[in-house]
C-alpha atoms as a PDB file:
ATOM      1  CA  UNK A   1       0.000   0.000   0.000  1.00  0.00           C
ATOM      2  CA  UNK A   2       2.735   2.446   0.937  1.00  0.00           C
ATOM      3  CA  UNK A   3       4.647   1.788  -2.278  1.00  0.00           C
ATOM      4  CA  UNK A   4       1.519   2.641  -4.256  1.00  0.00           C
ATOM      5  CA  UNK A   5       0.714   5.738  -2.185  1.00  0.00           C
ATOM      6  CA  UNK A   6       4.245   7.161  -2.409  1.00  0.00           C
ATOM      7  CA  UNK A   7       3.800   7.570  -6.140  1.00  0.00           C
ATOM      8  CA  UNK A   8       0.680   9.724  -5.686  1.00  0.00           C
ATOM      9  CA  UNK A   9       1.370  11.732  -2.524  1.00  0.00           C
ATOM     10  CA  UNK A  10       4.263  14.184  -2.446  1.00  0.00           C
ATOM     11  CA  UNK A  11       4.435  15.038   1.245  1.00  0.00           C
ATOM     12  CA  UNK A  12       5.797  12.730   3.938  1.00  0.00           C
ATOM     13  CA  UNK A  13       5.277  13.277   7.655  1.00  0.00           C
ATOM     14  CA  UNK A  14       7.229  11.223  10.153  1.00  0.00           C
ATOM     15  CA  UNK A  15       6.859  10.974  13.904  1.00  0.00           C
ATOM     16  CA  UNK A  16       9.126   8.803  16.005  1.00  0.00           C
ATOM     17  CA  UNK A  17       8.876   7.645  19.587  1.00  0.00           C
ATOM     18  CA  UNK A  18      12.039   6.979  21.531  1.00  0.00           C
ATOM     19  CA  UNK A  19      12.282   6.239  25.264  1.00  0.00           C
ATOM     20  CA  UNK A  20      12.908   9.876  26.195  1.00  0.00           C
ATOM     21  CA  UNK A  21      16.046  11.894  26.717  1.00  0.00           C
ATOM     22  CA  UNK A  22      18.706  10.388  28.937  1.00  0.00           C
ATOM     23  CA  UNK A  23      21.301  13.032  28.067  1.00  0.00           C
ATOM     24  CA  UNK A  24      20.015  16.513  28.867  1.00  0.00           C
ATOM     25  CA  UNK A  25      21.857  19.813  28.653  1.00  0.00           C
ATOM     26  CA  UNK A  26      21.540  22.253  31.516  1.00  0.00           C
ATOM     27  CA  UNK A  27      19.224  25.231  31.040  1.00  0.00           C
ATOM     28  CA  UNK A  28      22.112  27.652  30.466  1.00  0.00           C
ATOM     29  CA  UNK A  29      23.307  25.631  27.474  1.00  0.00           C
ATOM     30  CA  UNK A  30      19.817  25.368  25.959  1.00  0.00           C
ATOM     31  CA  UNK A  31      19.195  29.064  26.600  1.00  0.00           C
ATOM     32  CA  UNK A  32      22.032  29.973  24.234  1.00  0.00           C
ATOM     33  CA  UNK A  33      20.126  28.325  21.395  1.00  0.00           C
ATOM     34  CA  UNK A  34      23.195  26.861  19.702  1.00  0.00           C
ATOM     35  CA  UNK A  35      21.778  24.463  17.082  1.00  0.00           C
ATOM     36  CA  UNK A  36      24.983  22.407  16.926  1.00  0.00           C
ATOM     37  CA  UNK A  37      24.931  21.735  20.666  1.00  0.00           C
ATOM     38  CA  UNK A  38      21.210  20.941  20.576  1.00  0.00           C
ATOM     39  CA  UNK A  39      21.751  18.596  17.617  1.00  0.00           C
ATOM     40  CA  UNK A  40      24.583  16.810  19.431  1.00  0.00           C
ATOM     41  CA  UNK A  41      22.394  16.191  22.478  1.00  0.00           C
ATOM     42  CA  UNK A  42      19.595  14.873  20.301  1.00  0.00           C
ATOM     43  CA  UNK A  43      21.974  12.668  18.313  1.00  0.00           C
ATOM     44  CA  UNK A  44      23.523  11.276  21.501  1.00  0.00           C
ATOM     45  CA  UNK A  45      20.080  10.274  22.723  1.00  0.00           C
ATOM     46  CA  UNK A  46      19.045   8.698  19.412  1.00  0.00           C
ATOM     47  CA  UNK A  47      22.339   6.796  19.180  1.00  0.00           C
ATOM     48  CA  UNK A  48      22.033   5.473  22.752  1.00  0.00           C
ATOM     49  CA  UNK A  49      18.355   4.496  22.640  1.00  0.00           C
ATOM     50  CA  UNK A  50      16.182   2.111  20.654  1.00  0.00           C
ATOM     51  CA  UNK A  51      13.301   3.377  18.554  1.00  0.00           C
ATOM     52  CA  UNK A  52       9.899   2.321  19.884  1.00  0.00           C
ATOM     53  CA  UNK A  53       7.499   3.491  17.188  1.00  0.00           C
ATOM     54  CA  UNK A  54       7.467   5.302  13.853  1.00  0.00           C
ATOM     55  CA  UNK A  55       4.392   7.007  12.451  1.00  0.00           C
ATOM     56  CA  UNK A  56       4.149   7.712   8.728  1.00  0.00           C
ATOM     57  CA  UNK A  57       1.612   9.916   6.957  1.00  0.00           C
ATOM     58  CA  UNK A  58       1.509  10.842   3.302  1.00  0.00           C
ATOM     59  CA  UNK A  59      -0.476  13.683   1.786  1.00  0.00           C
ATOM     60  CA  UNK A  60      -0.908  15.724  -1.342  1.00  0.00           C
ATOM     61  CA  UNK A  61      -0.425  19.503  -1.507  1.00  0.00           C
ATOM     62  CA  UNK A  62      -3.960  20.039  -0.175  1.00  0.00           C
ATOM     63  CA  UNK A  63      -3.392  17.840   2.877  1.00  0.00           C
ATOM     64  CA  UNK A  64      -5.437  14.907   1.602  1.00  0.00           C
ATOM     65  CA  UNK A  65      -4.351  11.548   2.982  1.00  0.00           C
ATOM     66  CA  UNK A  66      -4.390   8.338   0.933  1.00  0.00           C
ATOM     67  CA  UNK A  67      -7.834   6.740   0.844  1.00  0.00           C
ATOM     68  CA  UNK A  68      -7.333   3.958  -1.721  1.00  0.00           C
ATOM     69  CA  UNK A  69     -10.833   4.652  -3.073  1.00  0.00           C
ATOM     70  CA  UNK A  70     -12.420   3.876   0.291  1.00  0.00           C
ATOM     71  CA  UNK A  71     -14.252   6.097   2.790  1.00  0.00           C
ATOM     72  CA  UNK A  72     -11.195   5.952   5.087  1.00  0.00           C
ATOM     73  CA  UNK A  73      -7.953   7.913   5.266  1.00  0.00           C
ATOM     74  CA  UNK A  74      -4.749   5.989   5.864  1.00  0.00           C
ATOM     75  CA  UNK A  75      -1.624   6.567   7.911  1.00  0.00           C
ATOM     76  CA  UNK A  76       0.714   4.013   9.420  1.00  0.00           C
ATOM     77  CA  UNK A  77       2.250   3.313  12.815  1.00  0.00           C
ATOM     78  CA  UNK A  78       5.045   0.786  13.103  1.00  0.00           C
ATOM     79  CA  UNK A  79       5.961  -0.686  16.483  1.00  0.00           C
ATOM     80  CA  UNK A  80       9.480  -2.031  16.839  1.00  0.00           C
ATOM     81  CA  UNK A  81      10.667  -4.952  18.925  1.00  0.00           C
ATOM     82  CA  UNK A  82      14.180  -3.971  19.987  1.00  0.00           C
ATOM     83  CA  UNK A  83      13.378  -1.772  22.985  1.00  0.00           C
ATOM     84  CA  UNK A  84      13.279  -3.820  26.196  1.00  0.00           C
ATOM     85  CA  UNK A  85      11.719  -1.970  29.105  1.00  0.00           C
ATOM     86  CA  UNK A  86      13.431  -4.377  31.536  1.00  0.00           C
ATOM     87  CA  UNK A  87      16.949  -3.790  30.197  1.00  0.00           C
ATOM     88  CA  UNK A  88      16.900  -0.678  28.044  1.00  0.00           C
ATOM     89  CA  UNK A  89      17.819   2.850  29.007  1.00  0.00           C
ATOM     90  CA  UNK A  90      14.984   5.337  29.206  1.00  0.00           C
ATOM     91  CA  UNK A  91      13.532   8.398  30.868  1.00  0.00           C
ATOM     92  CA  UNK A  92      10.767   7.316  33.262  1.00  0.00           C
ATOM     93  CA  UNK A  93       8.453  10.205  32.402  1.00  0.00           C
ATOM     94  CA  UNK A  94       8.587   9.320  28.693  1.00  0.00           C
ATOM     95  CA  UNK A  95       7.835   5.651  29.320  1.00  0.00           C
ATOM     96  CA  UNK A  96       4.929   6.535  31.619  1.00  0.00           C
ATOM     97  CA  UNK A  97       3.478   8.781  28.905  1.00  0.00           C
ATOM     98  CA  UNK A  98       3.840   6.081  26.235  1.00  0.00           C
ATOM     99  CA  UNK A  99       2.133   3.526  28.491  1.00  0.00           C
ATOM    100  CA  UNK A 100      -0.744   5.960  29.114  1.00  0.00           C
ATOM    101  CA  UNK A 101      -0.986   6.407  25.335  1.00  0.00           C
ATOM    102  CA  UNK A 102      -1.384   2.645  24.861  1.00  0.00           C
ATOM    103  CA  UNK A 103       2.093   1.402  23.971  1.00  0.00           C
ATOM    104  CA  UNK A 104       2.394  -2.239  25.089  1.00  0.00           C
ATOM    105  CA  UNK A 105       6.118  -2.883  25.428  1.00  0.00           C
ATOM    106  CA  UNK A 106       5.780  -6.629  25.998  1.00  0.00           C
ATOM    107  CA  UNK A 107       3.578  -6.995  22.920  1.00  0.00           C
ATOM    108  CA  UNK A 108       6.060  -4.928  20.885  1.00  0.00           C
ATOM    109  CA  UNK A 109       8.891  -7.216  22.005  1.00  0.00           C
ATOM    110  CA  UNK A 110       6.910 -10.263  20.926  1.00  0.00           C
ATOM    111  CA  UNK A 111       5.138  -9.014  17.779  1.00  0.00           C
ATOM    112  CA  UNK A 112       6.924  -5.807  16.823  1.00  0.00           C
ATOM    113  CA  UNK A 113       8.847  -5.237  13.620  1.00  0.00           C
ATOM    114  CA  UNK A 114      12.581  -5.846  13.458  1.00  0.00           C
ATOM    115  CA  UNK A 115      13.963  -2.352  12.813  1.00  0.00           C
ATOM    116  CA  UNK A 116      16.777  -3.685  10.602  1.00  0.00           C
ATOM    117  CA  UNK A 117      14.272  -5.327   8.260  1.00  0.00           C
ATOM    118  CA  UNK A 118      12.145  -2.182   8.294  1.00  0.00           C
ATOM    119  CA  UNK A 119      15.175  -0.046   7.388  1.00  0.00           C
ATOM    120  CA  UNK A 120      16.024  -2.317   4.468  1.00  0.00           C
ATOM    121  CA  UNK A 121      12.463  -1.958   3.181  1.00  0.00           C
ATOM    122  CA  UNK A 122      12.629   1.825   3.516  1.00  0.00           C
ATOM    123  CA  UNK A 123      15.993   1.897   1.761  1.00  0.00           C
ATOM    124  CA  UNK A 124      14.363  -0.103  -1.039  1.00  0.00           C
ATOM    125  CA  UNK A 125      11.751   2.646  -1.407  1.00  0.00           C
ATOM    126  CA  UNK A 126      14.180   5.533  -1.391  1.00  0.00           C
ATOM    127  CA  UNK A 127      14.160   6.026  -5.155  1.00  0.00           C
ATOM    128  CA  UNK A 128      10.457   6.812  -4.883  1.00  0.00           C
ATOM    129  CA  UNK A 129      11.139   9.509  -2.315  1.00  0.00           C
ATOM    130  CA  UNK A 130      12.202  12.805  -3.813  1.00  0.00           C
ATOM    131  CA  UNK A 131      12.586  14.315  -0.366  1.00  0.00           C
ATOM    132  CA  UNK A 132      16.089  15.159   0.757  1.00  0.00           C
ATOM    133  CA  UNK A 133      14.948  15.838   4.328  1.00  0.00           C
ATOM    134  CA  UNK A 134      13.397  12.388   4.684  1.00  0.00           C
ATOM    135  CA  UNK A 135      16.434  10.669   3.277  1.00  0.00           C
ATOM    136  CA  UNK A 136      18.803  12.658   5.467  1.00  0.00           C
ATOM    137  CA  UNK A 137      16.820  12.191   8.669  1.00  0.00           C
ATOM    138  CA  UNK A 138      15.580   8.627   8.519  1.00  0.00           C
ATOM    139  CA  UNK A 139      18.019   6.935   6.177  1.00  0.00           C
ATOM    140  CA  UNK A 140      20.928   8.199   8.280  1.00  0.00           C
ATOM    141  CA  UNK A 141      19.215   6.587  11.264  1.00  0.00           C
ATOM    142  CA  UNK A 142      18.765   3.344   9.314  1.00  0.00           C
ATOM    143  CA  UNK A 143      22.350   3.216   8.118  1.00  0.00           C
ATOM    144  CA  UNK A 144      23.602   3.666  11.692  1.00  0.00           C
ATOM    145  CA  UNK A 145      21.479   0.773  12.897  1.00  0.00           C
ATOM    146  CA  UNK A 146      22.015  -1.752  10.084  1.00  0.00           C
END
């Protein structure tokens, strides 16, 4: 379905869920607004933590989502299996929020998608994506975790 929709919808929206921020700058550092420092903190967290979920939405220039000639609009959420709440690193407040939002970590561990396989599938689609931002953001993540 996604392969078909990518050809018709030019805009890609991605939302990821990670187990919070375990490396946090102090308020004085953040207050300076240095994008390089902020990026480095974010990258350190992404590199140290396992992805929990990725949401994907496609739309056209008017904001219409794929409907595949049905009365429904489609978007996708992918739950990954690698994060282990019993062994993984995380920020407690983030995990509590995800649990309240319905994330079932045990079910993800058992039935979730292997992120390496998912990345290979996404890399296989990359010719269909004409979006530099998407490739830079997510494909860099994939290549680091393959």
